[in-house]
Amino acid sequence: MLDLDGTLVDTLGDFAAVLALTLRDLGLRTVGRDFIEHTIGRGGEHLVRMTLAEAGGAPELFDRAWALYQRHYAAVNGEHAIVYPGVVEGLALLRSAGLPLAVLTNKPAAPARELLRRKGLDGYFAHVFGGDDFPRKKPDPLPLLKTCEALGTPPSATWMVGDSRNDAEAARAAGCPLVLVTYGYNHGEDIRAVSALRHVNRLDEISADALS
């Protein structure tokens, strides 16, 4: 199981562009990229709620802001996003080893699948699950357990690969081995301080381990 934003694709530019358009439409001031980077990871609704508060918007604006955010995201999705170095190589090696792969993200499923398609990564995965596919999101273990069921593998034999303590908490609760990438978005904290089976700088480093 692999996280998407911050693990496979650097989507910070997309988030910044979409939130700038959303806040402009609401007549609110923009927010900084550092704030966005530290807030990514718990789903779009959380990001929009936190951004509204940061920009001085009333909580009652959420429904309008969420609708605007989704509309702008559909148009911008992938335009400012970059696949991280080592991702394509790593996915190719994992697939060649016959390992079943799934994306598990808190991003809503439709834009997650479209982003993977636009970046040419969709063909690597047997399943793509988003934050709206299950009743609860990471760091709750439920999405991981359901993804293991879909893959047909027990949690103890199903790696969770992510970039944040959000992924780490979910993996720990689900009983899944955890690998963390050293790049990505971890709420402004050093991911190396989060305990994991291994911390890697590129996804193809994980692949080398899996194939050995």
C-alpha atoms as a PDB file:
ATOM      1  CA  MET A   1       0.000   0.000   0.000  1.00  0.00           C
ATOM      2  CA  LEU A   2       1.404   3.356  -1.012  1.00  0.00           C
ATOM      3  CA  ASP A   3       0.321   6.827  -0.026  1.00  0.00           C
ATOM      4  CA  LEU A   4      -0.038   9.314  -2.898  1.00  0.00           C
ATOM      5  CA  ASP A   5       0.599  12.967  -2.002  1.00  0.00           C
ATOM      6  CA  GLY A   6       4.147  13.354  -0.723  1.00  0.00           C
ATOM      7  CA  THR A   7       5.024   9.713  -1.443  1.00  0.00           C
ATOM      8  CA  LEU A   8       4.472   9.145  -5.154  1.00  0.00           C
ATOM      9  CA  VAL A   9       3.781  12.672  -6.368  1.00  0.00           C
ATOM     10  CA  ASP A  10       4.762  16.132  -5.134  1.00  0.00           C
ATOM     11  CA  THR A  11       1.395  17.884  -5.271  1.00  0.00           C
ATOM     12  CA  LEU A  12       2.189  20.954  -3.177  1.00  0.00           C
ATOM     13  CA  GLY A  13       2.036  23.173  -6.271  1.00  0.00           C
ATOM     14  CA  ASP A  14      -1.452  21.906  -7.090  1.00  0.00           C
ATOM     15  CA  PHE A  15      -2.699  22.530  -3.551  1.00  0.00           C
ATOM     16  CA  ALA A  16      -1.244  26.049  -3.530  1.00  0.00           C
ATOM     17  CA  ALA A  17      -2.843  26.925  -6.868  1.00  0.00           C
ATOM     18  CA  VAL A  18      -6.244  25.478  -5.969  1.00  0.00           C
ATOM     19  CA  LEU A  19      -6.385  27.119  -2.542  1.00  0.00           C
ATOM     20  CA  ALA A  20      -5.338  30.471  -4.013  1.00  0.00           C
ATOM     21  CA  LEU A  21      -8.229  30.287  -6.493  1.00  0.00           C
ATOM     22  CA  THR A  22     -10.666  29.185  -3.783  1.00  0.00           C
ATOM     23  CA  LEU A  23      -9.692  31.974  -1.402  1.00  0.00           C
ATOM     24  CA  ARG A  24      -9.813  34.530  -4.216  1.00  0.00           C
ATOM     25  CA  ASP A  25     -13.387  33.506  -5.015  1.00  0.00           C
ATOM     26  CA  LEU A  26     -14.285  33.890  -1.339  1.00  0.00           C
ATOM     27  CA  GLY A  27     -12.634  37.313  -1.103  1.00  0.00           C
ATOM     28  CA  LEU A  28     -10.136  36.070   1.465  1.00  0.00           C
ATOM     29  CA  ARG A  29      -6.384  36.553   1.690  1.00  0.00           C
ATOM     30  CA  THR A  30      -4.100  33.813   0.481  1.00  0.00           C
ATOM     31  CA  VAL A  31      -2.080  31.504   2.757  1.00  0.00           C
ATOM     32  CA  GLY A  32       1.604  30.606   2.601  1.00  0.00           C
ATOM     33  CA  ARG A  33       3.050  27.477   1.026  1.00  0.00           C
ATOM     34  CA  ASP A  34       4.636  26.509   4.359  1.00  0.00           C
ATOM     35  CA  PHE A  35       1.194  26.457   5.969  1.00  0.00           C
ATOM     36  CA  ILE A  36      -0.182  24.308   3.151  1.00  0.00           C
ATOM     37  CA  GLU A  37       2.724  21.881   3.302  1.00  0.00           C
ATOM     38  CA  HIS A  38       2.309  21.428   7.049  1.00  0.00           C
ATOM     39  CA  THR A  39      -1.472  20.916   6.737  1.00  0.00           C
ATOM     40  CA  ILE A  40      -1.591  18.361   3.884  1.00  0.00           C
ATOM     41  CA  GLY A  41      -2.291  14.775   4.817  1.00  0.00           C
ATOM     42  CA  ARG A  42      -5.619  14.425   6.588  1.00  0.00           C
ATOM     43  CA  GLY A  43      -7.883  14.837   3.578  1.00  0.00           C
ATOM     44  CA  GLY A  44      -9.228  17.710   1.539  1.00  0.00           C
ATOM     45  CA  GLU A  45     -11.980  18.653   3.955  1.00  0.00           C
ATOM     46  CA  HIS A  46      -9.468  19.082   6.761  1.00  0.00           C
ATOM     47  CA  LEU A  47      -7.194  21.138   4.519  1.00  0.00           C
ATOM     48  CA  VAL A  48     -10.033  23.454   3.482  1.00  0.00           C
ATOM     49  CA  ARG A  49     -11.276  23.912   7.068  1.00  0.00           C
ATOM     50  CA  MET A  50      -7.786  24.734   8.323  1.00  0.00           C
ATOM     51  CA  THR A  51      -7.126  27.058   5.386  1.00  0.00           C
ATOM     52  CA  LEU A  52     -10.375  28.934   5.988  1.00  0.00           C
ATOM     53  CA  ALA A  53      -9.360  29.523   9.601  1.00  0.00           C
ATOM     54  CA  GLU A  54      -5.848  30.606   8.584  1.00  0.00           C
ATOM     55  CA  ALA A  55      -7.274  33.060   6.025  1.00  0.00           C
ATOM     56  CA  GLY A  56      -9.734  34.565   8.500  1.00  0.00           C
ATOM     57  CA  GLY A  57     -12.838  32.988   6.988  1.00  0.00           C
ATOM     58  CA  ALA A  58     -15.858  32.020   9.077  1.00  0.00           C
ATOM     59  CA  PRO A  59     -16.492  28.283   9.620  1.00  0.00           C
ATOM     60  CA  GLU A  60     -19.918  28.788   8.012  1.00  0.00           C
ATOM     61  CA  LEU A  61     -18.141  29.326   4.675  1.00  0.00           C
ATOM     62  CA  PHE A  62     -16.983  25.713   4.564  1.00  0.00           C
ATOM     63  CA  ASP A  63     -19.686  24.298   2.288  1.00  0.00           C
ATOM     64  CA  ARG A  64     -19.110  27.023  -0.291  1.00  0.00           C
ATOM     65  CA  ALA A  65     -15.338  26.751   0.062  1.00  0.00           C
ATOM     66  CA  TRP A  66     -15.422  22.966  -0.333  1.00  0.00           C
ATOM     67  CA  ALA A  67     -17.501  23.209  -3.502  1.00  0.00           C
ATOM     68  CA  LEU A  68     -15.117  25.807  -4.957  1.00  0.00           C
ATOM     69  CA  TYR A  69     -12.089  23.757  -3.941  1.00  0.00           C
ATOM     70  CA  GLN A  70     -13.385  20.621  -5.643  1.00  0.00           C
ATOM     71  CA  ARG A  71     -14.224  22.507  -8.841  1.00  0.00           C
ATOM     72  CA  HIS A  72     -10.829  24.183  -9.046  1.00  0.00           C
ATOM     73  CA  TYR A  73      -9.010  20.945  -8.145  1.00  0.00           C
ATOM     74  CA  ALA A  74     -10.687  19.077 -10.988  1.00  0.00           C
ATOM     75  CA  ALA A  75      -9.341  21.687 -13.419  1.00  0.00           C
ATOM     76  CA  VAL A  76      -5.840  22.041 -11.932  1.00  0.00           C
ATOM     77  CA  ASN A  77      -5.244  18.399 -10.906  1.00  0.00           C
ATOM     78  CA  GLY A  78      -1.695  17.410 -11.847  1.00  0.00           C
ATOM     79  CA  GLU A  79      -0.793  20.651 -13.628  1.00  0.00           C
ATOM     80  CA  HIS A  80       1.773  21.678 -10.995  1.00  0.00           C
ATOM     81  CA  ALA A  81       2.498  18.165  -9.665  1.00  0.00           C
ATOM     82  CA  ILE A  82       5.770  16.275 -10.147  1.00  0.00           C
ATOM     83  CA  VAL A  83       6.431  12.541  -9.814  1.00  0.00           C
ATOM     84  CA  TYR A  84       9.256  12.062  -7.323  1.00  0.00           C
ATOM     85  CA  PRO A  85      12.609  10.655  -8.537  1.00  0.00           C
ATOM     86  CA  GLY A  86      12.758   6.874  -8.188  1.00  0.00           C
ATOM     87  CA  VAL A  87       8.983   6.356  -8.184  1.00  0.00           C
ATOM     88  CA  VAL A  88       8.578   5.001 -11.719  1.00  0.00           C
ATOM     89  CA  GLU A  89      11.642   2.794 -11.322  1.00  0.00           C
ATOM     90  CA  GLY A  90      10.446   1.529  -7.956  1.00  0.00           C
ATOM     91  CA  LEU A  91       6.934   0.739  -9.131  1.00  0.00           C
ATOM     92  CA  ALA A  92       8.276  -1.085 -12.192  1.00  0.00           C
ATOM     93  CA  LEU A  93      10.521  -3.275 -10.033  1.00  0.00           C
ATOM     94  CA  LEU A  94       7.757  -4.056  -7.551  1.00  0.00           C
ATOM     95  CA  ARG A  95       5.363  -4.986 -10.323  1.00  0.00           C
ATOM     96  CA  SER A  96       7.971  -7.149 -12.058  1.00  0.00           C
ATOM     97  CA  ALA A  97       8.358  -9.046  -8.772  1.00  0.00           C
ATOM     98  CA  GLY A  98       4.662  -9.886  -8.908  1.00  0.00           C
ATOM     99  CA  LEU A  99       3.759  -7.899  -5.783  1.00  0.00           C
ATOM    100  CA  PRO A 100       0.153  -6.591  -5.736  1.00  0.00           C
ATOM    101  CA  LEU A 101       0.103  -2.814  -5.336  1.00  0.00           C
ATOM    102  CA  ALA A 102      -2.545  -0.376  -4.126  1.00  0.00           C
ATOM    103  CA  VAL A 103      -2.674   3.358  -3.580  1.00  0.00           C
ATOM    104  CA  LEU A 104      -4.253   4.367  -0.284  1.00  0.00           C
ATOM    105  CA  THR A 105      -4.697   8.103   0.133  1.00  0.00           C
ATOM    106  CA  ASN A 106      -6.866  10.504   2.098  1.00  0.00           C
ATOM    107  CA  LYS A 107      -7.418  12.477  -1.116  1.00  0.00           C
ATOM    108  CA  PRO A 108     -10.911  11.813  -2.534  1.00  0.00           C
ATOM    109  CA  ALA A 109     -10.844   8.813  -4.844  1.00  0.00           C
ATOM    110  CA  ALA A 110     -11.870  10.489  -8.113  1.00  0.00           C
ATOM    111  CA  PRO A 111      -9.114  13.147  -8.178  1.00  0.00           C
ATOM    112  CA  ALA A 112      -6.607  10.577  -6.873  1.00  0.00           C
ATOM    113  CA  ARG A 113      -7.323   8.237  -9.783  1.00  0.00           C
ATOM    114  CA  GLU A 114      -7.258  11.103 -12.257  1.00  0.00           C
ATOM    115  CA  LEU A 115      -3.918  12.356 -10.928  1.00  0.00           C
ATOM    116  CA  LEU A 116      -2.393   8.898 -11.322  1.00  0.00           C
ATOM    117  CA  ARG A 117      -3.777   8.705 -14.867  1.00  0.00           C
ATOM    118  CA  ARG A 118      -2.414  12.133 -15.813  1.00  0.00           C
ATOM    119  CA  LYS A 119       1.009  11.232 -14.443  1.00  0.00           C
ATOM    120  CA  GLY A 120       1.098   7.842 -16.152  1.00  0.00           C
ATOM    121  CA  LEU A 121       1.140   5.861 -12.897  1.00  0.00           C
ATOM    122  CA  ASP A 122      -2.324   4.304 -12.945  1.00  0.00           C
ATOM    123  CA  GLY A 123      -1.265   1.100 -14.695  1.00  0.00           C
ATOM    124  CA  TYR A 124       0.878  -0.028 -11.759  1.00  0.00           C
ATOM    125  CA  PHE A 125      -1.957  -0.482  -9.275  1.00  0.00           C
ATOM    126  CA  ALA A 126      -4.573  -3.158  -8.762  1.00  0.00           C
ATOM    127  CA  HIS A 127      -6.564  -0.791  -6.538  1.00  0.00           C
ATOM    128  CA  VAL A 128      -6.741   2.928  -5.807  1.00  0.00           C
ATOM    129  CA  PHE A 129      -8.619   3.870  -2.647  1.00  0.00           C
ATOM    130  CA  GLY A 130      -9.365   7.426  -1.568  1.00  0.00           C
ATOM    131  CA  GLY A 131     -10.500   9.101   1.601  1.00  0.00           C
ATOM    132  CA  ASP A 132     -14.154   8.818   0.608  1.00  0.00           C
ATOM    133  CA  ASP A 133     -14.028   5.065  -0.061  1.00  0.00           C
ATOM    134  CA  PHE A 134     -14.243   4.141   3.632  1.00  0.00           C
ATOM    135  CA  PRO A 135     -16.142   5.501   6.656  1.00  0.00           C
ATOM    136  CA  ARG A 136     -12.893   6.667   8.272  1.00  0.00           C
ATOM    137  CA  LYS A 137      -9.590   8.047   6.982  1.00  0.00           C
ATOM    138  CA  LYS A 138      -5.959   7.483   7.978  1.00  0.00           C
ATOM    139  CA  PRO A 139      -4.653   7.572  10.714  1.00  0.00           C
ATOM    140  CA  ASP A 140      -7.544   5.235  11.516  1.00  0.00           C
ATOM    141  CA  PRO A 141      -6.472   1.676  10.625  1.00  0.00           C
ATOM    142  CA  LEU A 142      -9.739   0.824   8.835  1.00  0.00           C
ATOM    143  CA  PRO A 143      -8.629   1.936   5.334  1.00  0.00           C
ATOM    144  CA  LEU A 144      -5.451  -0.144   5.624  1.00  0.00           C
ATOM    145  CA  LEU A 145      -7.323  -3.231   6.789  1.00  0.00           C
ATOM    146  CA  LYS A 146      -9.844  -2.906   3.952  1.00  0.00           C
ATOM    147  CA  THR A 147      -7.040  -2.417   1.437  1.00  0.00           C
ATOM    148  CA  CYS A 148      -5.326  -5.570   2.711  1.00  0.00           C
ATOM    149  CA  GLU A 149      -8.590  -7.428   2.149  1.00  0.00           C
ATOM    150  CA  ALA A 150      -8.759  -6.120  -1.416  1.00  0.00           C
ATOM    151  CA  LEU A 151      -5.162  -7.144  -2.074  1.00  0.00           C
ATOM    152  CA  GLY A 152      -5.736 -10.565  -0.527  1.00  0.00           C
ATOM    153  CA  THR A 153      -2.778 -10.246   1.842  1.00  0.00           C
ATOM    154  CA  PRO A 154      -2.684 -10.219   5.661  1.00  0.00           C
ATOM    155  CA  PRO A 155      -1.737  -6.926   7.362  1.00  0.00           C
ATOM    156  CA  SER A 156       1.427  -8.466   8.800  1.00  0.00           C
ATOM    157  CA  ALA A 157       2.652  -9.133   5.244  1.00  0.00           C
ATOM    158  CA  THR A 158       1.442  -5.894   3.648  1.00  0.00           C
ATOM    159  CA  TRP A 159       3.774  -2.916   3.721  1.00  0.00           C
ATOM    160  CA  MET A 160       2.465   0.604   4.204  1.00  0.00           C
ATOM    161  CA  VAL A 161       4.691   3.105   2.408  1.00  0.00           C
ATOM    162  CA  GLY A 162       4.112   6.730   3.311  1.00  0.00           C
ATOM    163  CA  ASP A 163       5.632  10.083   4.155  1.00  0.00           C
ATOM    164  CA  SER A 164       4.059  11.157   7.445  1.00  0.00           C
ATOM    165  CA  ARG A 165       3.166  10.210  11.002  1.00  0.00           C
ATOM    166  CA  ASN A 166      -0.408   9.987   9.682  1.00  0.00           C
ATOM    167  CA  ASP A 167       0.649   6.920   7.682  1.00  0.00           C
ATOM    168  CA  ALA A 168       2.770   5.679  10.573  1.00  0.00           C
ATOM    169  CA  GLU A 169      -0.064   5.787  13.104  1.00  0.00           C
ATOM    170  CA  ALA A 170      -2.390   3.984  10.703  1.00  0.00           C
ATOM    171  CA  ALA A 171       0.164   1.265   9.907  1.00  0.00           C
ATOM    172  CA  ARG A 172       0.963   0.696  13.557  1.00  0.00           C
ATOM    173  CA  ALA A 173      -2.709   0.354  14.469  1.00  0.00           C
ATOM    174  CA  ALA A 174      -3.374  -2.000  11.552  1.00  0.00           C
ATOM    175  CA  GLY A 175      -0.330  -4.176  12.254  1.00  0.00           C
ATOM    176  CA  CYS A 176       1.329  -3.429   8.909  1.00  0.00           C
ATOM    177  CA  PRO A 177       5.112  -3.105   8.413  1.00  0.00           C
ATOM    178  CA  LEU A 178       5.966   0.534   7.769  1.00  0.00           C
ATOM    179  CA  VAL A 179       8.440   2.193   5.414  1.00  0.00           C
ATOM    180  CA  LEU A 180       8.715   5.979   5.317  1.00  0.00           C
ATOM    181  CA  VAL A 181      10.180   8.151   2.580  1.00  0.00           C
ATOM    182  CA  THR A 182      12.357  11.016   3.793  1.00  0.00           C
ATOM    183  CA  TYR A 183      10.803  13.577   1.448  1.00  0.00           C
ATOM    184  CA  GLY A 184       7.141  14.577   1.337  1.00  0.00           C
ATOM    185  CA  TYR A 185       4.942  16.295   3.906  1.00  0.00           C
ATOM    186  CA  ASN A 186       5.092  15.466   7.591  1.00  0.00           C
ATOM    187  CA  HIS A 187       3.395  18.485   9.138  1.00  0.00           C
ATOM    188  CA  GLY A 188       6.715  20.312   9.410  1.00  0.00           C
ATOM    189  CA  GLU A 189       8.359  17.561  11.468  1.00  0.00           C
ATOM    190  CA  ASP A 190      11.425  15.457  10.638  1.00  0.00           C
ATOM    191  CA  ILE A 191      10.075  12.096   9.481  1.00  0.00           C
ATOM    192  CA  ARG A 192      13.277  10.379  10.621  1.00  0.00           C
ATOM    193  CA  ALA A 193      12.065  10.855  14.182  1.00  0.00           C
ATOM    194  CA  VAL A 194       9.103   8.564  13.439  1.00  0.00           C
ATOM    195  CA  SER A 195       9.870   4.886  14.034  1.00  0.00           C
ATOM    196  CA  ALA A 196       9.673   2.661  10.936  1.00  0.00           C
ATOM    197  CA  LEU A 197      11.081  -0.520   9.441  1.00  0.00           C
ATOM    198  CA  ARG A 198      13.196   1.724   7.255  1.00  0.00           C
ATOM    199  CA  HIS A 199      13.472   5.324   6.032  1.00  0.00           C
ATOM    200  CA  VAL A 200      14.374   5.671   2.353  1.00  0.00           C
ATOM    201  CA  ASN A 201      15.296   8.560   0.076  1.00  0.00           C
ATOM    202  CA  ARG A 202      13.780   7.047  -3.066  1.00  0.00           C
ATOM    203  CA  LEU A 203      11.052   4.527  -3.748  1.00  0.00           C
ATOM    204  CA  ASP A 204      13.377   2.266  -5.725  1.00  0.00           C
ATOM    205  CA  GLU A 205      15.384   1.718  -2.533  1.00  0.00           C
ATOM    206  CA  ILE A 206      12.320  -0.053  -1.119  1.00  0.00           C
ATOM    207  CA  SER A 207      12.080  -2.104  -4.296  1.00  0.00           C
ATOM    208  CA  ALA A 208      15.656  -3.280  -3.931  1.00  0.00           C
ATOM    209  CA  ASP A 209      14.801  -4.532  -0.417  1.00  0.00           C
ATOM    210  CA  ALA A 210      11.624  -6.233  -1.571  1.00  0.00           C
ATOM    211  CA  LEU A 211      13.424  -8.072  -4.328  1.00  0.00           C
ATOM    212  CA  SER A 212      16.335  -9.246  -2.167  1.00  0.00           C
END
